[in-house]
Amino acid sequence: MLLSIQANGLTYINHFNSQFAGEVGLISLGLGKEFSSYSIGGMYGFVPSEVSGGPLIETVTLRQTYEFFHWKRIALHAGLNVFHVLGIKYHTHDYGTAPDSYYPIGSIRGLLNLGITVAYNKKESKLFYIEAGMNDITIVNLFNNSRVINPQDEVSLALGFKQRF
């Protein structure tokens, strides 16, 4: 068993998570706590300026997942991520001449996702996952403009790795 953060006999952190893409950064890293079917954690993500086409984009994310099906080493889960984009100045150019602080709520987003997890080893401590998700703005736009917007064009994909300890 690897090191875990404990106090008074309670384990507060029992897994490391890393993710590629999925709207919370090109690369995201974090720590979290798993319960029987529920997992919660925090992540830091970033998109380098070479990829964003503008300044460095950084995010902090509250990541929650619920495992609703488990068979051998394969599990299906649903998740809700709430993420905040640090330094939202890169968004204001989308709104013409609005001042930098005019749209502050635009830096907080919700992301619903569905995923599949596959355990790499028999102890199920090393896991790989893939998730498909949509953010809150996209979901609202789909309801309001269902004839114009193709849902397949709006889905984000994430590839991830989780190490339990």
Protein backbone atom coordinates (compact mmCIF):
# COMPACT_ATOMS: atom_id res chain seq x y z
CA MET A 1 0.00 0.00 0.00
CA LEU A 2 1.36 3.39 -0.95
CA LEU A 3 1.28 6.51 1.17
CA SER A 4 -2.14 8.07 1.75
CA ILE A 5 -3.03 11.20 3.70
CA GLN A 6 -4.65 10.27 7.02
CA ALA A 7 -5.74 11.98 10.23
CA ASN A 8 -7.43 10.34 13.22
CA GLY A 9 -7.65 7.03 11.34
CA LEU A 10 -9.56 8.56 8.39
CA THR A 11 -8.10 8.49 4.89
CA TYR A 12 -8.69 11.79 3.10
CA ILE A 13 -6.93 11.12 -0.19
CA ASN A 14 -6.74 7.68 -1.75
CA HIS A 15 -6.13 8.21 -5.47
CA PHE A 16 -4.17 10.23 -8.02
CA ASN A 17 -5.86 11.22 -11.28
CA SER A 18 -4.43 12.49 -14.57
CA GLN A 19 -6.36 13.36 -17.69
CA PHE A 20 -5.76 14.41 -21.29
CA ALA A 21 -8.35 16.80 -22.82
CA GLY A 22 -12.01 16.82 -21.78
CA GLU A 23 -12.64 20.60 -21.42
CA VAL A 24 -10.79 21.01 -18.11
CA GLY A 25 -7.38 21.46 -19.70
CA LEU A 26 -5.17 19.76 -22.24
CA ILE A 27 -3.44 18.10 -19.28
CA SER A 28 -5.05 17.87 -15.82
CA LEU A 29 -3.68 16.41 -12.58
CA GLY A 30 -5.39 15.87 -9.26
CA LEU A 31 -6.01 13.98 -6.05
CA GLY A 32 -9.22 12.62 -4.62
CA LYS A 33 -11.17 10.33 -2.33
CA GLU A 34 -13.11 7.25 -3.40
CA PHE A 35 -16.01 5.83 -1.47
CA SER A 36 -17.82 2.64 -2.52
CA SER A 37 -19.38 3.91 -5.79
CA TYR A 38 -18.75 7.66 -5.47
CA SER A 39 -15.53 9.56 -6.05
CA ILE A 40 -14.72 13.22 -5.44
CA GLY A 41 -11.51 15.10 -6.08
CA GLY A 42 -9.80 18.25 -7.22
CA MET A 43 -7.79 18.80 -10.37
CA TYR A 44 -5.57 21.47 -11.87
CA GLY A 45 -5.54 21.69 -15.66
CA PHE A 46 -3.82 23.84 -18.25
CA VAL A 47 -3.71 24.51 -21.97
CA PRO A 48 -0.34 25.91 -23.15
CA SER A 49 -0.42 29.11 -25.18
CA GLU A 50 0.96 27.22 -28.21
CA VAL A 51 -2.22 25.12 -28.25
CA SER A 52 -4.76 27.76 -27.14
CA GLY A 53 -3.65 30.30 -29.72
CA GLY A 54 -3.63 32.92 -26.94
CA PRO A 55 -2.49 33.08 -23.34
CA LEU A 56 -1.94 30.07 -21.07
CA ILE A 57 -5.34 28.80 -19.88
CA GLU A 58 -5.54 27.31 -16.38
CA THR A 59 -8.47 25.59 -14.66
CA VAL A 60 -9.30 24.21 -11.24
CA THR A 61 -11.94 21.49 -11.15
CA LEU A 62 -14.15 19.77 -8.61
CA ARG A 63 -14.51 16.30 -10.14
CA GLN A 64 -17.28 13.94 -9.04
CA THR A 65 -18.13 10.52 -10.47
CA TYR A 66 -20.66 7.84 -9.63
CA GLU A 67 -20.03 4.26 -10.73
CA PHE A 68 -23.39 2.76 -11.71
CA PHE A 69 -22.20 -0.55 -13.23
CA HIS A 70 -19.24 -2.80 -12.44
CA TRP A 71 -18.36 -6.11 -14.08
CA LYS A 72 -14.99 -7.78 -13.47
CA ARG A 73 -12.44 -5.08 -14.35
CA ILE A 74 -14.81 -2.85 -16.35
CA ALA A 75 -17.00 -0.10 -14.88
CA LEU A 76 -19.38 2.52 -16.26
CA HIS A 77 -19.66 5.89 -14.56
CA ALA A 78 -21.42 9.23 -14.83
CA GLY A 79 -19.85 12.44 -13.64
CA LEU A 80 -20.30 16.09 -12.89
CA ASN A 81 -17.31 18.39 -13.05
CA VAL A 82 -17.53 22.00 -11.94
CA PHE A 83 -14.55 23.95 -13.19
CA HIS A 84 -13.30 27.51 -12.94
CA VAL A 85 -11.12 29.11 -15.57
CA LEU A 86 -8.44 31.19 -13.86
CA GLY A 87 -7.75 34.58 -15.41
CA ILE A 88 -10.84 34.89 -17.59
CA LYS A 89 -9.47 37.77 -19.67
CA TYR A 90 -9.10 35.47 -22.66
CA HIS A 91 -12.93 35.19 -22.88
CA THR A 92 -13.73 38.90 -23.05
CA HIS A 93 -12.61 39.31 -26.66
CA ASP A 94 -15.65 37.19 -27.60
CA TYR A 95 -17.95 39.96 -26.39
CA GLY A 96 -16.66 42.95 -28.35
CA THR A 97 -15.78 45.98 -26.26
CA ALA A 98 -16.90 44.63 -22.85
CA PRO A 99 -14.50 45.36 -19.97
CA ASP A 100 -12.39 42.42 -18.74
CA SER A 101 -14.45 41.91 -15.56
CA TYR A 102 -17.88 42.30 -17.18
CA TYR A 103 -18.63 38.56 -17.57
CA PRO A 104 -17.18 36.97 -14.41
CA ILE A 105 -19.68 34.09 -14.19
CA GLY A 106 -18.46 32.88 -17.58
CA SER A 107 -15.40 31.47 -15.86
CA ILE A 108 -17.43 28.83 -13.95
CA ARG A 109 -18.75 25.89 -15.95
CA GLY A 110 -20.46 22.59 -15.34
CA LEU A 111 -19.59 19.49 -17.33
CA LEU A 112 -21.72 16.32 -17.44
CA ASN A 113 -19.99 13.17 -18.65
CA LEU A 114 -20.35 9.43 -19.16
CA GLY A 115 -17.37 7.13 -19.10
CA ILE A 116 -15.97 3.65 -19.07
CA THR A 117 -13.12 2.55 -16.81
CA VAL A 118 -10.90 -0.47 -17.31
CA ALA A 119 -8.65 -1.80 -14.55
CA TYR A 120 -5.15 -2.57 -15.77
CA ASN A 121 -4.17 -4.97 -12.98
CA LYS A 122 -5.92 -7.60 -10.85
CA LYS A 123 -5.89 -5.44 -7.71
CA GLU A 124 -7.75 -2.74 -9.69
CA SER A 125 -5.34 -0.07 -8.48
CA LYS A 126 -4.33 1.14 -11.95
CA LEU A 127 -7.26 2.30 -14.07
CA PHE A 128 -7.64 3.82 -17.51
CA TYR A 129 -10.79 5.65 -18.53
CA ILE A 130 -12.41 7.44 -21.44
CA GLU A 131 -15.21 9.96 -20.98
CA ALA A 132 -17.57 11.81 -23.30
CA GLY A 133 -19.06 15.03 -21.95
CA MET A 134 -20.91 18.26 -22.63
CA ASN A 135 -20.74 21.51 -20.73
CA ASP A 136 -23.76 23.37 -19.40
CA ILE A 137 -23.82 26.01 -22.14
CA THR A 138 -23.80 23.36 -24.87
CA ILE A 139 -26.65 21.44 -23.24
CA VAL A 140 -28.80 24.59 -23.02
CA ASN A 141 -27.98 25.48 -26.64
CA LEU A 142 -28.96 21.98 -27.76
CA PHE A 143 -32.38 22.33 -26.15
CA ASN A 144 -32.94 25.79 -27.61
CA ASN A 145 -31.51 25.09 -31.08
CA SER A 146 -31.96 21.35 -31.60
CA ARG A 147 -32.64 21.73 -35.33
CA VAL A 148 -29.42 23.63 -35.96
CA ILE A 149 -26.85 22.07 -33.60
CA ASN A 150 -25.57 18.53 -34.08
CA PRO A 151 -24.86 16.98 -30.63
CA GLN A 152 -21.99 14.90 -32.04
CA ASP A 153 -20.13 18.10 -32.90
CA GLU A 154 -20.35 19.33 -29.31
CA VAL A 155 -19.12 16.29 -27.33
CA SER A 156 -15.72 16.53 -25.66
CA LEU A 157 -13.60 13.44 -25.07
CA ALA A 158 -11.15 12.80 -22.26
CA LEU A 159 -8.59 10.05 -21.72
CA GLY A 160 -7.48 9.46 -18.16
CA PHE A 161 -5.48 7.39 -15.71
CA LYS A 162 -6.25 6.81 -12.04
CA GLN A 163 -3.86 5.30 -9.50
CA ARG A 164 -5.46 4.10 -6.26
CA PHE A 165 -3.34 3.92 -3.12
